[in-house]
Amino acid sequence: MPSAPPFPIPNANDLAAKLSQALAQERVVQRFVDSYVVENSRHALQVHASLYRDLLALLQREALLAATVSLIARINEGPATAKKPAPLTRKEAALFRKKFLIALAHEKKWHAGTALDFQNDLQIYEDVLSRSAGAKRGRKPFESAHHPFVDRCAFVLDSSFMEKARVAATRALIEIEDLAGHIVEQSRHNAAPPIIVRKS
């Protein structure tokens, strides 16, 4: 009989709900766009209300993709114990990914086609990041990250000022990944078994 994992895997349904809610409540994308417009005097991006709403919708989807990639990666790594990390097995990781994506589709009320499109884009994110995993290095504050979120958002946001848009998107990415990490750690803390103190 296989032994139980030393730490329970956080509930995929809870994580999907918390991630979706946190991205909306923190207004990461709106603040990203608003600060970019002000810092670079690109007020034309907000002139037409309908186009601005469409822009936010596209960027919010990219933010959800980036947050999902980060959250799944953190779950797969497992919690850092005092001795060493306890990563999920390949089977556990695949099962969690499947459960999380189903829960996210339910949370967002997507139909099958929309859910499949999201999964396809998520696979693109994961493939790009896996290829560039070996090239990670320290990044200066004014540099942009090598990440599909950064490239895709910069192109959608302001293709004529790509480098400035990439730097701004990098700042948003850091915030998104921090948010995903906080949600994972909070869920792990809530899922951890209670410590029983035995009286002597």
Protein backbone atom coordinates (compact mmCIF):
# COMPACT_ATOMS: atom_id res chain seq x y z
CA MET A 1 0.00 0.00 0.00
CA PRO A 2 1.56 3.37 -1.00
CA SER A 3 2.45 5.64 1.88
CA ALA A 4 0.58 8.92 2.28
CA PRO A 5 2.45 12.08 1.33
CA PRO A 6 4.12 13.78 4.33
CA PHE A 7 2.14 16.95 3.59
CA PRO A 8 -1.43 17.00 2.26
CA ILE A 9 -1.85 18.47 -1.23
CA PRO A 10 -3.97 21.66 -1.05
CA ASN A 11 -7.51 21.37 -2.36
CA ALA A 12 -7.67 22.24 -6.07
CA ASN A 13 -11.20 23.64 -5.83
CA ASP A 14 -10.25 26.03 -3.04
CA LEU A 15 -7.10 27.16 -4.84
CA ALA A 16 -8.96 27.85 -8.09
CA ALA A 17 -11.56 29.96 -6.28
CA LYS A 18 -8.97 31.87 -4.25
CA LEU A 19 -6.76 32.57 -7.25
CA SER A 20 -9.61 33.87 -9.37
CA GLN A 21 -10.92 36.03 -6.54
CA ALA A 22 -7.50 37.39 -5.59
CA LEU A 23 -6.67 38.51 -9.13
CA ALA A 24 -9.97 40.40 -9.29
CA GLN A 25 -9.74 41.90 -5.80
CA GLU A 26 -6.12 43.02 -6.11
CA ARG A 27 -6.82 44.62 -9.52
CA VAL A 28 -3.33 43.65 -10.69
CA VAL A 29 -4.07 44.14 -14.38
CA GLN A 30 -5.94 47.43 -13.98
CA ARG A 31 -3.10 48.89 -11.90
CA PHE A 32 -0.54 47.58 -14.39
CA VAL A 33 -2.26 49.33 -17.29
CA ASP A 34 -3.06 52.53 -15.38
CA SER A 35 0.51 52.96 -14.14
CA TYR A 36 1.90 52.25 -17.62
CA VAL A 37 -0.37 54.89 -19.16
CA VAL A 38 0.67 57.52 -16.60
CA GLU A 39 4.40 56.73 -16.57
CA ASN A 40 4.69 56.74 -20.37
CA SER A 41 2.01 59.32 -21.26
CA ARG A 42 0.10 56.75 -23.33
CA HIS A 43 -3.35 58.13 -22.50
CA ALA A 44 -4.67 57.14 -25.93
CA LEU A 45 -4.88 53.57 -24.64
CA GLN A 46 -7.79 54.58 -22.39
CA VAL A 47 -9.66 56.98 -24.67
CA HIS A 48 -12.17 54.49 -26.09
CA ALA A 49 -14.05 52.75 -23.28
CA SER A 50 -14.98 49.64 -25.28
CA LEU A 51 -11.42 49.13 -26.57
CA TYR A 52 -10.06 49.67 -23.07
CA ARG A 53 -12.42 47.01 -21.67
CA ASP A 54 -11.33 44.60 -24.40
CA LEU A 55 -7.68 45.32 -23.58
CA LEU A 56 -8.24 44.63 -19.89
CA ALA A 57 -10.06 41.38 -20.69
CA LEU A 58 -7.16 40.14 -22.82
CA LEU A 59 -4.57 41.08 -20.21
CA GLN A 60 -6.62 39.56 -17.38
CA ARG A 61 -6.64 36.26 -19.25
CA GLU A 62 -2.85 36.43 -19.61
CA ALA A 63 -2.57 37.22 -15.90
CA LEU A 64 -4.65 34.14 -15.08
CA LEU A 65 -2.40 32.01 -17.29
CA ALA A 66 0.74 33.33 -15.58
CA ALA A 67 -0.77 32.86 -12.12
CA THR A 68 -1.89 29.32 -12.98
CA VAL A 69 1.58 28.35 -14.22
CA SER A 70 3.15 29.75 -11.07
CA LEU A 71 0.64 28.12 -8.73
CA ILE A 72 0.93 24.68 -10.34
CA ALA A 73 4.74 24.89 -10.28
CA ARG A 74 4.74 25.76 -6.58
CA ILE A 75 2.38 22.91 -5.77
CA ASN A 76 4.56 20.50 -7.75
CA GLU A 77 7.67 21.59 -5.85
CA GLY A 78 6.02 20.68 -2.57
CA PRO A 79 6.57 22.51 0.71
CA ALA A 80 10.12 23.22 1.77
CA THR A 81 10.72 21.14 4.88
CA ALA A 82 13.53 21.57 7.36
CA LYS A 83 15.54 18.92 5.53
CA LYS A 84 14.64 19.19 1.84
CA PRO A 85 11.70 19.95 -0.48
CA ALA A 86 9.10 17.22 -0.89
CA PRO A 87 8.03 17.45 -4.55
CA LEU A 88 4.96 15.72 -5.88
CA THR A 89 5.37 12.54 -7.89
CA ARG A 90 4.65 12.79 -11.60
CA LYS A 91 1.30 11.07 -11.07
CA GLU A 92 0.34 13.40 -8.21
CA ALA A 93 1.35 16.47 -10.24
CA ALA A 94 -0.68 15.37 -13.26
CA LEU A 95 -3.72 14.66 -11.09
CA PHE A 96 -3.52 18.02 -9.33
CA ARG A 97 -3.13 19.86 -12.64
CA LYS A 98 -6.21 18.12 -14.04
CA LYS A 99 -8.30 18.82 -10.94
CA PHE A 100 -7.19 22.45 -10.78
CA LEU A 101 -8.01 23.18 -14.42
CA ILE A 102 -11.44 21.58 -14.07
CA ALA A 103 -12.08 23.62 -10.92
CA LEU A 104 -10.89 26.81 -12.60
CA ALA A 105 -13.17 26.25 -15.59
CA HIS A 106 -16.08 25.73 -13.19
CA GLU A 107 -15.14 28.83 -11.19
CA LYS A 108 -14.98 30.98 -14.34
CA LYS A 109 -18.12 29.34 -15.81
CA TRP A 110 -16.33 28.54 -19.08
CA HIS A 111 -17.86 26.35 -21.74
CA ALA A 112 -15.81 23.45 -23.09
CA GLY A 113 -14.27 25.40 -25.98
CA THR A 114 -13.07 28.26 -23.77
CA ALA A 115 -11.62 25.83 -21.24
CA LEU A 116 -9.76 23.97 -24.00
CA ASP A 117 -8.36 27.21 -25.42
CA PHE A 118 -7.08 28.15 -21.96
CA GLN A 119 -5.45 24.74 -21.51
CA ASN A 120 -3.77 25.04 -24.93
CA ASP A 121 -2.35 28.46 -24.06
CA LEU A 122 -1.27 27.15 -20.66
CA GLN A 123 0.66 24.38 -22.41
CA ILE A 124 2.39 27.02 -24.56
CA TYR A 125 3.38 28.91 -21.40
CA GLU A 126 4.72 25.74 -19.79
CA ASP A 127 6.65 24.69 -22.91
CA VAL A 128 8.30 28.11 -23.28
CA LEU A 129 9.24 28.25 -19.61
CA SER A 130 10.63 24.71 -19.61
CA ARG A 131 12.91 25.58 -22.54
CA SER A 132 14.20 28.72 -20.85
CA ALA A 133 14.53 27.19 -17.37
CA GLY A 134 18.27 26.68 -17.73
CA ALA A 135 18.92 30.28 -18.75
CA LYS A 136 17.71 31.97 -15.55
CA ARG A 137 19.93 34.63 -14.03
CA GLY A 138 19.64 37.65 -11.78
CA ARG A 139 17.68 40.49 -13.32
CA LYS A 140 18.18 44.20 -12.74
CA PRO A 141 15.10 46.32 -11.84
CA PHE A 142 14.96 48.00 -15.25
CA GLU A 143 15.27 44.73 -17.21
CA SER A 144 12.34 42.74 -18.56
CA ALA A 145 11.79 39.07 -17.81
CA HIS A 146 12.01 36.29 -20.40
CA HIS A 147 8.48 35.02 -19.90
CA PRO A 148 5.51 34.49 -22.24
CA PHE A 149 3.34 36.74 -20.06
CA VAL A 150 5.76 39.62 -20.58
CA ASP A 151 6.02 39.20 -24.35
CA ARG A 152 2.32 38.63 -24.97
CA CYS A 153 1.14 41.43 -22.68
CA ALA A 154 3.63 43.93 -24.07
CA PHE A 155 2.47 43.20 -27.62
CA VAL A 156 -1.21 43.49 -26.70
CA LEU A 157 -0.72 46.57 -24.52
CA ASP A 158 1.52 48.75 -26.68
CA SER A 159 3.32 47.10 -29.60
CA SER A 160 4.87 50.42 -30.70
CA PHE A 161 6.66 50.78 -27.32
CA MET A 162 7.51 47.12 -26.79
CA GLU A 163 10.51 47.47 -24.49
CA LYS A 164 8.80 49.90 -22.12
CA ALA A 165 5.72 47.70 -22.14
CA ARG A 166 7.86 44.61 -21.41
CA VAL A 167 9.45 46.25 -18.36
CA ALA A 168 6.01 47.24 -17.05
CA ALA A 169 4.69 43.72 -17.71
CA THR A 170 7.63 42.29 -15.77
CA ARG A 171 6.61 44.28 -12.70
CA ALA A 172 3.06 42.95 -13.06
CA LEU A 173 4.40 39.39 -13.44
CA ILE A 174 6.33 39.65 -10.19
CA GLU A 175 3.17 40.74 -8.40
CA ILE A 176 1.14 37.93 -9.99
CA GLU A 177 3.69 35.27 -9.02
CA ASP A 178 3.90 36.63 -5.47
CA LEU A 179 0.12 36.49 -5.23
CA ALA A 180 0.03 32.87 -6.43
CA GLY A 181 2.77 31.95 -3.98
CA HIS A 182 0.92 33.55 -1.08
CA ILE A 183 -2.25 31.62 -1.94
CA VAL A 184 -0.34 28.32 -2.07
CA GLU A 185 1.42 28.90 1.25
CA GLN A 186 -1.81 29.97 2.92
CA SER A 187 -3.56 26.83 1.63
CA ARG A 188 -0.71 24.63 2.84
CA HIS A 189 -0.88 26.19 6.26
CA ASN A 190 -4.63 25.58 6.44
CA ALA A 191 -4.25 22.00 5.18
CA ALA A 192 -1.42 21.06 7.53
CA PRO A 193 -2.35 18.51 10.20
CA PRO A 194 -2.62 19.96 13.72
CA ILE A 195 0.31 19.51 16.05
CA ILE A 196 -0.77 17.39 19.00
CA VAL A 197 1.04 18.09 22.24
CA ARG A 198 0.99 15.09 24.53
CA LYS A 199 0.84 15.73 28.23
CA SER A 200 3.47 13.97 30.26
